[in-house]
């Protein structure tokens, strides 16, 4: 009987030792996306229409692996919409100062990323699961943030009931 207790105690110490090896100070942030594996109709980005140049001699040189002229360019589109320079937005990772000035015209906090990371870490520490979930390192990330999730279908119905046109969404089920 005493031998069995020693074995269980040794197994408990080994399990707790392995649990202490995890990096609890800087946990890796997870993707907050849904675990739903169905196609997401809101993630489809259409390309620009193909265009025929006035002369085939004006066609640009082929650029394998490069940017296609009909591919969406969200950075350039945002810069253009906010009054910035699309060429600077598409440059080598640089940021267009006009865009930054426009979006920060009401003020900005330079330490916002660090502040949000600290708040997120504190929130996850408060919501790290029950004893057995912590003991066996069960991932409770989705459970902790579940109350913040947006139900895209309920939100779509709410906007439709309010009379807002939703032309990019799938048609209502009749």
N, C-alpha and C. Protein backbone atom coordinates (compact mmCIF):
# COMPACT_ATOMS: atom_id res chain seq x y z
N UNK A 1 0.82 -1.19 0.00
CA UNK A 1 0.00 0.00 0.00
C UNK A 1 0.87 1.26 0.00
N UNK A 2 1.92 1.28 0.80
CA UNK A 2 2.79 2.45 0.87
C UNK A 2 3.55 2.62 -0.44
N UNK A 3 3.89 1.49 -1.10
CA UNK A 3 4.59 1.56 -2.38
C UNK A 3 3.74 2.25 -3.43
N UNK A 4 2.44 1.95 -3.45
CA UNK A 4 1.52 2.55 -4.40
C UNK A 4 1.41 4.05 -4.17
N UNK A 5 1.39 4.48 -2.92
CA UNK A 5 1.31 5.91 -2.59
C UNK A 5 2.57 6.63 -3.04
N UNK A 6 3.72 5.99 -2.90
CA UNK A 6 4.99 6.60 -3.33
C UNK A 6 4.98 6.79 -4.85
N UNK A 7 4.48 5.79 -5.57
CA UNK A 7 4.42 5.89 -7.04
C UNK A 7 3.49 7.02 -7.46
N UNK A 8 2.31 7.10 -6.82
CA UNK A 8 1.38 8.18 -7.16
C UNK A 8 1.96 9.54 -6.81
N UNK A 9 2.64 9.64 -5.71
CA UNK A 9 3.27 10.91 -5.32
C UNK A 9 4.35 11.30 -6.32
N UNK A 10 5.15 10.32 -6.76
CA UNK A 10 6.21 10.59 -7.74
C UNK A 10 5.60 11.01 -9.07
N UNK A 11 4.51 10.36 -9.48
CA UNK A 11 3.84 10.75 -10.72
C UNK A 11 3.28 12.16 -10.61
N UNK A 12 2.72 12.50 -9.46
CA UNK A 12 2.18 13.85 -9.25
C UNK A 12 3.27 14.91 -9.32
N UNK A 13 4.42 14.63 -8.69
CA UNK A 13 5.54 15.59 -8.72
C UNK A 13 6.05 15.73 -10.15
N UNK A 14 6.15 14.63 -10.90
CA UNK A 14 6.63 14.69 -12.28
C UNK A 14 5.67 15.50 -13.15
N UNK A 15 4.38 15.29 -12.97
CA UNK A 15 3.37 16.02 -13.74
C UNK A 15 3.42 17.51 -13.42
N UNK A 16 3.55 17.88 -12.17
CA UNK A 16 3.62 19.28 -11.78
C UNK A 16 4.93 19.91 -12.27
N UNK A 17 6.01 19.13 -12.30
CA UNK A 17 7.28 19.64 -12.81
C UNK A 17 7.18 19.96 -14.29
N UNK A 18 6.52 19.09 -15.05
CA UNK A 18 6.33 19.35 -16.47
C UNK A 18 5.46 20.58 -16.69
N UNK A 19 4.45 20.76 -15.88
CA UNK A 19 3.58 21.93 -15.98
C UNK A 19 4.31 23.22 -15.68
N UNK A 20 5.31 23.16 -14.83
CA UNK A 20 6.09 24.36 -14.48
C UNK A 20 7.03 24.76 -15.61
N UNK A 21 7.26 23.89 -16.57
CA UNK A 21 8.18 24.20 -17.67
C UNK A 21 7.56 25.11 -18.72
N UNK A 22 6.27 25.33 -18.67
CA UNK A 22 5.64 26.17 -19.69
C UNK A 22 6.00 27.63 -19.46
N UNK A 23 5.95 28.40 -20.51
CA UNK A 23 6.27 29.83 -20.45
C UNK A 23 4.99 30.60 -20.14
N UNK A 24 4.71 30.81 -18.89
CA UNK A 24 3.49 31.50 -18.48
C UNK A 24 3.63 33.02 -18.54
N UNK A 25 4.84 33.53 -18.58
CA UNK A 25 5.04 34.98 -18.58
C UNK A 25 4.69 35.61 -19.91
N UNK A 26 5.05 34.95 -21.01
CA UNK A 26 4.81 35.50 -22.34
C UNK A 26 4.10 34.47 -23.21
N UNK A 27 2.83 34.22 -22.93
CA UNK A 27 2.12 33.24 -23.75
C UNK A 27 1.95 33.77 -25.18
N UNK A 28 1.94 32.86 -26.12
CA UNK A 28 1.79 33.23 -27.52
C UNK A 28 0.33 33.59 -27.77
N UNK A 29 0.13 34.73 -28.43
CA UNK A 29 -1.23 35.13 -28.78
C UNK A 29 -1.75 34.20 -29.86
N UNK A 30 -3.00 33.85 -29.74
CA UNK A 30 -3.60 32.95 -30.70
C UNK A 30 -4.48 33.72 -31.65
N UNK A 31 -4.78 33.11 -32.77
CA UNK A 31 -5.70 33.69 -33.71
C UNK A 31 -7.09 33.59 -33.11
N UNK A 32 -7.80 34.68 -33.08
CA UNK A 32 -9.11 34.70 -32.43
C UNK A 32 -10.22 34.25 -33.36
N UNK A 33 -9.87 33.72 -34.50
CA UNK A 33 -10.87 33.30 -35.47
C UNK A 33 -11.69 32.12 -34.99
N UNK A 34 -12.80 31.94 -35.60
CA UNK A 34 -13.69 30.85 -35.26
C UNK A 34 -13.07 29.51 -35.66
N UNK A 35 -13.47 28.47 -34.98
CA UNK A 35 -13.02 27.14 -35.35
C UNK A 35 -13.94 26.55 -36.41
N UNK A 36 -14.88 27.35 -36.88
CA UNK A 36 -15.79 26.94 -37.92
C UNK A 36 -15.01 26.81 -39.23
N UNK A 37 -15.07 25.66 -39.88
CA UNK A 37 -14.27 25.42 -41.08
C UNK A 37 -15.09 25.58 -42.37
N UNK A 38 -16.28 26.15 -42.27
CA UNK A 38 -17.07 26.37 -43.47
C UNK A 38 -16.51 27.56 -44.23
N UNK A 39 -16.78 27.67 -45.53
CA UNK A 39 -16.30 28.82 -46.29
C UNK A 39 -16.88 30.11 -45.72
N UNK A 40 -16.08 31.15 -45.70
CA UNK A 40 -16.51 32.45 -45.20
C UNK A 40 -16.74 33.36 -46.40
N UNK A 41 -17.99 33.63 -46.69
CA UNK A 41 -18.31 34.42 -47.87
C UNK A 41 -17.86 35.87 -47.74
N UNK A 42 -17.56 36.32 -46.53
CA UNK A 42 -17.12 37.70 -46.34
C UNK A 42 -15.62 37.86 -46.60
N UNK A 43 -14.90 36.77 -46.79
CA UNK A 43 -13.46 36.86 -47.01
C UNK A 43 -13.08 36.85 -48.49
N UNK A 44 -14.06 36.79 -49.36
CA UNK A 44 -13.78 36.77 -50.79
C UNK A 44 -13.49 38.19 -51.25
N UNK A 45 -12.33 38.38 -51.87
CA UNK A 45 -11.94 39.70 -52.36
C UNK A 45 -11.90 39.64 -53.88
N UNK A 46 -12.79 40.37 -54.54
CA UNK A 46 -12.79 40.31 -56.00
C UNK A 46 -11.59 41.06 -56.59
N UNK A 47 -11.17 40.62 -57.75
CA UNK A 47 -10.09 41.32 -58.45
C UNK A 47 -10.71 42.41 -59.31
N UNK A 48 -9.85 43.31 -59.78
CA UNK A 48 -10.31 44.35 -60.69
C UNK A 48 -10.57 43.71 -62.05
N UNK A 49 -11.42 44.31 -62.87
CA UNK A 49 -11.68 43.72 -64.19
C UNK A 49 -10.44 43.80 -65.08
N UNK A 50 -10.30 42.81 -65.93
CA UNK A 50 -9.20 42.82 -66.88
C UNK A 50 -9.43 43.94 -67.89
N UNK A 51 -8.35 44.51 -68.35
CA UNK A 51 -8.48 45.60 -69.33
C UNK A 51 -7.55 45.34 -70.51
N UNK A 52 -8.01 45.73 -71.66
CA UNK A 52 -7.23 45.56 -72.88
C UNK A 52 -6.57 46.89 -73.22
N UNK A 53 -5.23 46.91 -73.35
CA UNK A 53 -4.57 48.17 -73.70
C UNK A 53 -4.88 48.54 -75.16
N UNK A 54 -4.75 49.83 -75.48
CA UNK A 54 -5.03 50.25 -76.86
C UNK A 54 -4.12 49.53 -77.87
N UNK A 55 -2.90 49.22 -77.47
CA UNK A 55 -1.97 48.54 -78.36
C UNK A 55 -1.28 47.44 -77.57
N UNK A 56 -1.13 46.27 -78.16
CA UNK A 56 -0.48 45.17 -77.47
C UNK A 56 1.01 45.45 -77.21
N UNK A 57 1.57 46.41 -77.92
CA UNK A 57 2.96 46.80 -77.68
C UNK A 57 3.11 47.51 -76.34
N UNK A 58 1.99 48.00 -75.75
CA UNK A 58 2.02 48.71 -74.48
C UNK A 58 1.93 47.77 -73.27
N UNK A 59 1.83 46.48 -73.54
CA UNK A 59 1.74 45.54 -72.42
C UNK A 59 3.02 45.59 -71.59
N UNK A 60 2.90 45.51 -70.26
CA UNK A 60 4.11 45.51 -69.43
C UNK A 60 4.86 44.19 -69.56
N UNK A 61 6.12 44.21 -69.18
CA UNK A 61 6.93 43.01 -69.19
C UNK A 61 6.35 41.99 -68.22
N UNK A 62 6.41 40.69 -68.55
CA UNK A 62 5.94 39.67 -67.59
C UNK A 62 6.75 39.76 -66.29
N UNK A 63 6.07 39.55 -65.20
CA UNK A 63 6.70 39.67 -63.89
C UNK A 63 6.31 38.46 -63.05
N UNK A 64 6.90 37.28 -63.29
CA UNK A 64 6.52 36.08 -62.54
C UNK A 64 6.73 36.28 -61.04
N UNK A 65 5.71 35.97 -60.28
CA UNK A 65 5.77 36.11 -58.82
C UNK A 65 5.59 37.53 -58.35
N UNK A 66 5.42 38.46 -59.26
CA UNK A 66 5.25 39.86 -58.89
C UNK A 66 3.79 40.21 -58.70
N UNK A 67 3.55 41.50 -58.58
CA UNK A 67 2.19 41.99 -58.37
C UNK A 67 1.46 42.04 -59.70
N UNK A 68 0.26 41.54 -59.71
CA UNK A 68 -0.60 41.60 -60.88
C UNK A 68 -1.40 42.89 -60.82
N UNK A 69 -1.59 43.55 -61.96
CA UNK A 69 -2.29 44.84 -61.96
C UNK A 69 -3.75 44.72 -61.55
N UNK A 70 -4.35 43.54 -61.66
CA UNK A 70 -5.75 43.38 -61.29
C UNK A 70 -5.92 42.84 -59.87
N UNK A 71 -4.81 42.54 -59.19
CA UNK A 71 -4.91 42.07 -57.81
C UNK A 71 -5.33 43.22 -56.90
N UNK A 72 -6.10 42.91 -55.85
CA UNK A 72 -6.45 43.97 -54.89
C UNK A 72 -5.19 44.49 -54.20
N UNK A 73 -5.15 45.77 -53.95
CA UNK A 73 -4.03 46.39 -53.25
C UNK A 73 -4.61 47.23 -52.11
N UNK A 74 -4.96 46.57 -51.00
CA UNK A 74 -5.67 47.27 -49.93
C UNK A 74 -4.89 48.44 -49.34
N UNK A 75 -3.57 48.33 -49.23
CA UNK A 75 -2.79 49.45 -48.68
C UNK A 75 -2.91 50.68 -49.56
N UNK A 76 -2.76 50.48 -50.87
CA UNK A 76 -2.87 51.61 -51.79
C UNK A 76 -4.29 52.16 -51.79
N UNK A 77 -5.29 51.29 -51.73
CA UNK A 77 -6.68 51.75 -51.71
C UNK A 77 -6.98 52.57 -50.46
N UNK A 78 -6.46 52.14 -49.32
CA UNK A 78 -6.66 52.88 -48.08
C UNK A 78 -5.97 54.23 -48.15
N UNK A 79 -4.72 54.21 -48.63
CA UNK A 79 -3.98 55.48 -48.75
C UNK A 79 -4.72 56.44 -49.67
N UNK A 80 -5.24 55.95 -50.77
CA UNK A 80 -5.97 56.78 -51.72
C UNK A 80 -7.24 57.33 -51.08
N UNK A 81 -7.97 56.48 -50.34
CA UNK A 81 -9.22 56.91 -49.71
C UNK A 81 -8.99 57.95 -48.62
N UNK A 82 -7.85 57.87 -47.94
CA UNK A 82 -7.57 58.81 -46.85
C UNK A 82 -6.76 60.01 -47.31
N UNK A 83 -6.54 60.14 -48.60
CA UNK A 83 -5.84 61.30 -49.12
C UNK A 83 -4.33 61.19 -49.10
N UNK A 84 -3.81 59.98 -48.96
CA UNK A 84 -2.36 59.78 -48.95
C UNK A 84 -1.83 59.43 -50.32
N UNK A 85 -0.58 59.06 -50.38
CA UNK A 85 0.09 58.71 -51.62
C UNK A 85 0.12 57.19 -51.75
N UNK A 86 -0.63 56.61 -52.70
CA UNK A 86 -0.63 55.16 -52.84
C UNK A 86 0.75 54.57 -53.13
N UNK A 87 1.60 55.31 -53.84
CA UNK A 87 2.94 54.79 -54.15
C UNK A 87 3.77 54.63 -52.88
N UNK A 88 3.62 55.54 -51.93
CA UNK A 88 4.35 55.41 -50.67
C UNK A 88 3.81 54.26 -49.83
N UNK A 89 2.50 54.04 -49.88
CA UNK A 89 1.90 52.95 -49.12
C UNK A 89 2.35 51.59 -49.65
N UNK A 90 2.62 51.50 -50.94
CA UNK A 90 3.02 50.24 -51.54
C UNK A 90 4.53 50.06 -51.52
N UNK A 91 5.26 51.09 -51.08
CA UNK A 91 6.73 51.04 -51.07
C UNK A 91 7.25 49.97 -50.14
N UNK A 92 8.55 49.96 -49.95
CA UNK A 92 9.24 48.93 -49.17
C UNK A 92 8.89 48.91 -47.70
N UNK A 93 7.64 48.75 -47.37
CA UNK A 93 7.23 48.64 -45.98
C UNK A 93 7.11 49.97 -45.27
N UNK A 94 7.37 51.05 -45.98
CA UNK A 94 7.26 52.37 -45.37
C UNK A 94 5.82 52.76 -45.14
N UNK A 95 5.62 53.72 -44.27
CA UNK A 95 4.28 54.19 -43.96
C UNK A 95 4.13 55.60 -44.51
N UNK A 96 3.02 55.84 -45.17
CA UNK A 96 2.73 57.16 -45.70
C UNK A 96 2.37 58.09 -44.55
N UNK A 97 3.16 59.16 -44.39
CA UNK A 97 2.94 60.10 -43.30
C UNK A 97 1.58 60.76 -43.36
N UNK A 98 1.05 61.02 -44.56
CA UNK A 98 -0.26 61.66 -44.68
C UNK A 98 -1.35 60.76 -44.11
N UNK A 99 -1.24 59.46 -44.34
CA UNK A 99 -2.24 58.53 -43.80
C UNK A 99 -2.16 58.50 -42.28
N UNK A 100 -0.94 58.41 -41.75
CA UNK A 100 -0.75 58.37 -40.30
C UNK A 100 -1.29 59.65 -39.67
N UNK A 101 -1.00 60.79 -40.27
CA UNK A 101 -1.51 62.06 -39.74
C UNK A 101 -3.03 62.12 -39.78
N UNK A 102 -3.62 61.63 -40.86
CA UNK A 102 -5.07 61.68 -40.98
C UNK A 102 -5.76 60.79 -39.94
N UNK A 103 -5.31 59.56 -39.79
CA UNK A 103 -5.98 58.65 -38.87
C UNK A 103 -5.67 58.96 -37.41
N UNK A 104 -4.60 59.73 -37.16
CA UNK A 104 -4.28 60.08 -35.77
C UNK A 104 -4.60 61.54 -35.46
N UNK A 105 -5.47 62.15 -36.24
CA UNK A 105 -5.78 63.56 -36.06
C UNK A 105 -6.48 63.84 -34.73
N UNK A 106 -7.10 62.84 -34.13
CA UNK A 106 -7.76 63.04 -32.84
C UNK A 106 -6.89 62.55 -31.68
N UNK A 107 -5.65 62.27 -31.98
CA UNK A 107 -4.72 61.80 -30.96
C UNK A 107 -4.47 60.31 -31.08
N UNK A 108 -3.33 59.90 -30.56
CA UNK A 108 -2.99 58.49 -30.57
C UNK A 108 -2.03 58.21 -29.42
N UNK A 109 -2.03 56.98 -29.00
CA UNK A 109 -1.16 56.54 -27.92
C UNK A 109 -0.04 55.70 -28.52
N UNK A 110 1.18 56.15 -28.39
CA UNK A 110 2.31 55.43 -28.98
C UNK A 110 2.52 54.06 -28.34
N UNK A 111 2.07 53.88 -27.11
CA UNK A 111 2.27 52.61 -26.39
C UNK A 111 1.03 51.72 -26.43
N UNK A 112 0.14 51.91 -27.41
CA UNK A 112 -1.11 51.17 -27.42
C UNK A 112 -0.90 49.66 -27.55
N UNK A 113 0.09 49.24 -28.33
CA UNK A 113 0.32 47.79 -28.48
C UNK A 113 0.76 47.16 -27.17
N UNK A 114 1.67 47.82 -26.47
CA UNK A 114 2.14 47.28 -25.19
C UNK A 114 1.00 47.28 -24.17
N UNK A 115 0.18 48.34 -24.18
CA UNK A 115 -0.95 48.42 -23.25
C UNK A 115 -1.95 47.30 -23.52
N UNK A 116 -2.30 47.08 -24.79
CA UNK A 116 -3.24 46.02 -25.13
C UNK A 116 -2.68 44.64 -24.81
N UNK A 117 -1.39 44.44 -25.06
CA UNK A 117 -0.78 43.14 -24.74
C UNK A 117 -0.82 42.88 -23.24
N UNK A 118 -0.56 43.91 -22.43
CA UNK A 118 -0.60 43.75 -20.97
C UNK A 118 -2.03 43.47 -20.50
N UNK A 119 -3.00 44.20 -21.06
CA UNK A 119 -4.40 43.97 -20.67
C UNK A 119 -4.86 42.58 -21.09
N UNK A 120 -4.44 42.13 -22.29
CA UNK A 120 -4.82 40.80 -22.75
C UNK A 120 -4.20 39.73 -21.87
N UNK A 121 -2.93 39.91 -21.49
CA UNK A 121 -2.27 38.95 -20.62
C UNK A 121 -2.98 38.86 -19.27
N UNK A 122 -3.36 40.01 -18.71
CA UNK A 122 -4.08 40.02 -17.44
C UNK A 122 -5.43 39.34 -17.57
N UNK A 123 -6.15 39.61 -18.66
CA UNK A 123 -7.46 38.98 -18.90
C UNK A 123 -7.32 37.47 -19.00
N UNK A 124 -6.29 37.01 -19.73
CA UNK A 124 -6.10 35.56 -19.87
C UNK A 124 -5.66 34.92 -18.57
N UNK A 125 -4.94 35.65 -17.74
CA UNK A 125 -4.56 35.10 -16.42
C UNK A 125 -5.79 34.93 -15.54
N UNK A 126 -6.72 35.88 -15.61
CA UNK A 126 -7.95 35.78 -14.82
C UNK A 126 -8.87 34.69 -15.34
N UNK A 127 -8.75 34.35 -16.61
CA UNK A 127 -9.65 33.37 -17.25
C UNK A 127 -8.86 32.19 -17.79
N UNK A 128 -8.00 31.63 -16.98
CA UNK A 128 -7.15 30.55 -17.49
C UNK A 128 -7.73 29.15 -17.29
N UNK A 129 -8.96 29.05 -16.89
CA UNK A 129 -9.60 27.74 -16.81
C UNK A 129 -9.63 27.19 -15.39
N UNK A 130 -10.31 26.07 -15.29
CA UNK A 130 -10.45 25.41 -14.00
C UNK A 130 -9.18 24.64 -13.66
N UNK A 131 -9.13 24.09 -12.47
CA UNK A 131 -7.92 23.42 -11.97
C UNK A 131 -7.45 22.31 -12.91
N UNK A 132 -8.33 21.41 -13.33
CA UNK A 132 -7.91 20.31 -14.19
C UNK A 132 -7.52 20.81 -15.58
N UNK A 133 -8.18 21.86 -16.06
CA UNK A 133 -7.79 22.43 -17.36
C UNK A 133 -6.39 23.01 -17.29
N UNK A 134 -6.06 23.67 -16.19
CA UNK A 134 -4.71 24.20 -16.02
C UNK A 134 -3.71 23.08 -15.81
N UNK A 135 -4.09 22.08 -15.03
CA UNK A 135 -3.19 20.98 -14.71
C UNK A 135 -2.80 20.20 -15.96
N UNK A 136 -3.76 19.99 -16.87
CA UNK A 136 -3.49 19.22 -18.09
C UNK A 136 -3.29 20.11 -19.30
N UNK A 137 -3.06 21.40 -19.09
CA UNK A 137 -2.76 22.37 -20.14
C UNK A 137 -3.78 22.35 -21.26
N UNK A 138 -5.06 22.31 -20.89
CA UNK A 138 -6.13 22.38 -21.88
C UNK A 138 -6.26 23.83 -22.33
N UNK A 139 -6.34 24.04 -23.61
CA UNK A 139 -6.44 25.37 -24.17
C UNK A 139 -7.86 25.91 -23.95
N UNK A 140 -7.98 26.98 -23.18
CA UNK A 140 -9.28 27.58 -22.90
C UNK A 140 -9.39 28.97 -23.51
N UNK A 141 -8.54 29.27 -24.48
CA UNK A 141 -8.51 30.59 -25.11
C UNK A 141 -9.88 30.95 -25.69
N UNK A 142 -10.46 30.05 -26.48
CA UNK A 142 -11.74 30.35 -27.12
C UNK A 142 -12.86 30.48 -26.09
N UNK A 143 -12.80 29.70 -25.03
CA UNK A 143 -13.82 29.81 -23.99
C UNK A 143 -13.73 31.16 -23.28
N UNK A 144 -12.52 31.64 -23.04
CA UNK A 144 -12.34 32.91 -22.34
C UNK A 144 -12.88 34.09 -23.14
N UNK A 145 -12.74 34.05 -24.44
CA UNK A 145 -13.16 35.17 -25.29
C UNK A 145 -14.51 34.96 -25.96
N UNK A 146 -15.18 33.87 -25.66
CA UNK A 146 -16.42 33.54 -26.37
C UNK A 146 -17.49 34.62 -26.23
N UNK A 147 -17.57 35.26 -25.08
CA UNK A 147 -18.61 36.28 -24.89
C UNK A 147 -18.37 37.51 -25.76
N UNK A 148 -17.18 37.67 -26.32
CA UNK A 148 -16.87 38.82 -27.18
C UNK A 148 -17.08 38.52 -28.66
N UNK A 149 -17.34 37.28 -29.02
CA UNK A 149 -17.47 36.92 -30.42
C UNK A 149 -18.68 37.59 -31.04
N UNK A 150 -18.57 37.93 -32.29
CA UNK A 150 -19.66 38.50 -33.04
C UNK A 150 -20.26 37.42 -33.91
N UNK A 151 -21.55 37.19 -33.75
CA UNK A 151 -22.24 36.22 -34.60
C UNK A 151 -22.57 36.93 -35.90
N UNK A 152 -21.81 36.62 -36.95
CA UNK A 152 -21.95 37.35 -38.20
C UNK A 152 -23.33 37.20 -38.82
N UNK A 153 -23.98 36.06 -38.63
CA UNK A 153 -25.30 35.86 -39.21
C UNK A 153 -26.37 36.65 -38.45
N UNK A 154 -26.26 36.68 -37.12
CA UNK A 154 -27.20 37.48 -36.34
C UNK A 154 -27.01 38.97 -36.62
N UNK A 155 -25.78 39.38 -36.78
CA UNK A 155 -25.49 40.79 -37.09
C UNK A 155 -26.02 41.16 -38.47
N UNK A 156 -25.87 40.26 -39.43
CA UNK A 156 -26.42 40.50 -40.77
C UNK A 156 -27.93 40.66 -40.70
N UNK A 157 -28.60 39.79 -39.95
CA UNK A 157 -30.06 39.89 -39.81
C UNK A 157 -30.46 41.18 -39.11
N UNK A 158 -29.69 41.61 -38.11
CA UNK A 158 -29.99 42.86 -37.40
C UNK A 158 -29.94 44.04 -38.37
N UNK A 159 -28.91 44.09 -39.23
CA UNK A 159 -28.80 45.18 -40.20
C UNK A 159 -29.91 45.11 -41.23
N UNK A 160 -30.27 43.93 -41.65
CA UNK A 160 -31.37 43.80 -42.62
C UNK A 160 -32.70 44.25 -42.02
N UNK A 161 -32.96 43.89 -40.77
CA UNK A 161 -34.19 44.34 -40.10
C UNK A 161 -34.23 45.85 -39.97
N UNK A 162 -33.04 46.47 -39.85
CA UNK A 162 -32.97 47.93 -39.74
C UNK A 162 -33.14 48.60 -41.10
N UNK A 163 -33.22 47.80 -42.17
CA UNK A 163 -33.44 48.36 -43.50
C UNK A 163 -32.18 48.73 -44.25
N UNK A 164 -31.03 48.30 -43.76
CA UNK A 164 -29.77 48.61 -44.42
C UNK A 164 -29.54 47.61 -45.55
N UNK A 165 -29.16 48.11 -46.72
CA UNK A 165 -28.85 47.23 -47.84
C UNK A 165 -27.56 46.47 -47.55
N UNK A 166 -27.54 45.19 -47.86
CA UNK A 166 -26.35 44.36 -47.65
C UNK A 166 -26.06 43.61 -48.96
N UNK A 167 -25.61 44.35 -50.00
CA UNK A 167 -25.45 43.72 -51.31
C UNK A 167 -24.32 42.70 -51.39
N UNK A 168 -23.32 42.80 -50.53
CA UNK A 168 -22.20 41.86 -50.61
C UNK A 168 -22.44 40.60 -49.80
N UNK A 169 -23.50 40.58 -49.02
CA UNK A 169 -23.80 39.41 -48.20
C UNK A 169 -24.66 38.44 -49.00
N UNK A 170 -24.69 37.18 -48.59
CA UNK A 170 -25.54 36.22 -49.30
C UNK A 170 -27.01 36.63 -49.16
N UNK A 171 -27.82 36.26 -50.14
CA UNK A 171 -29.23 36.64 -50.07
C UNK A 171 -29.92 35.96 -48.90
N UNK A 172 -30.98 36.60 -48.38
CA UNK A 172 -31.70 35.98 -47.25
C UNK A 172 -32.32 34.65 -47.65
N UNK A 173 -32.34 33.75 -46.70
CA UNK A 173 -32.95 32.43 -46.93
C UNK A 173 -34.45 32.59 -46.80
N UNK A 174 -35.13 32.24 -47.85
CA UNK A 174 -36.61 32.39 -47.88
C UNK A 174 -37.27 31.15 -47.37
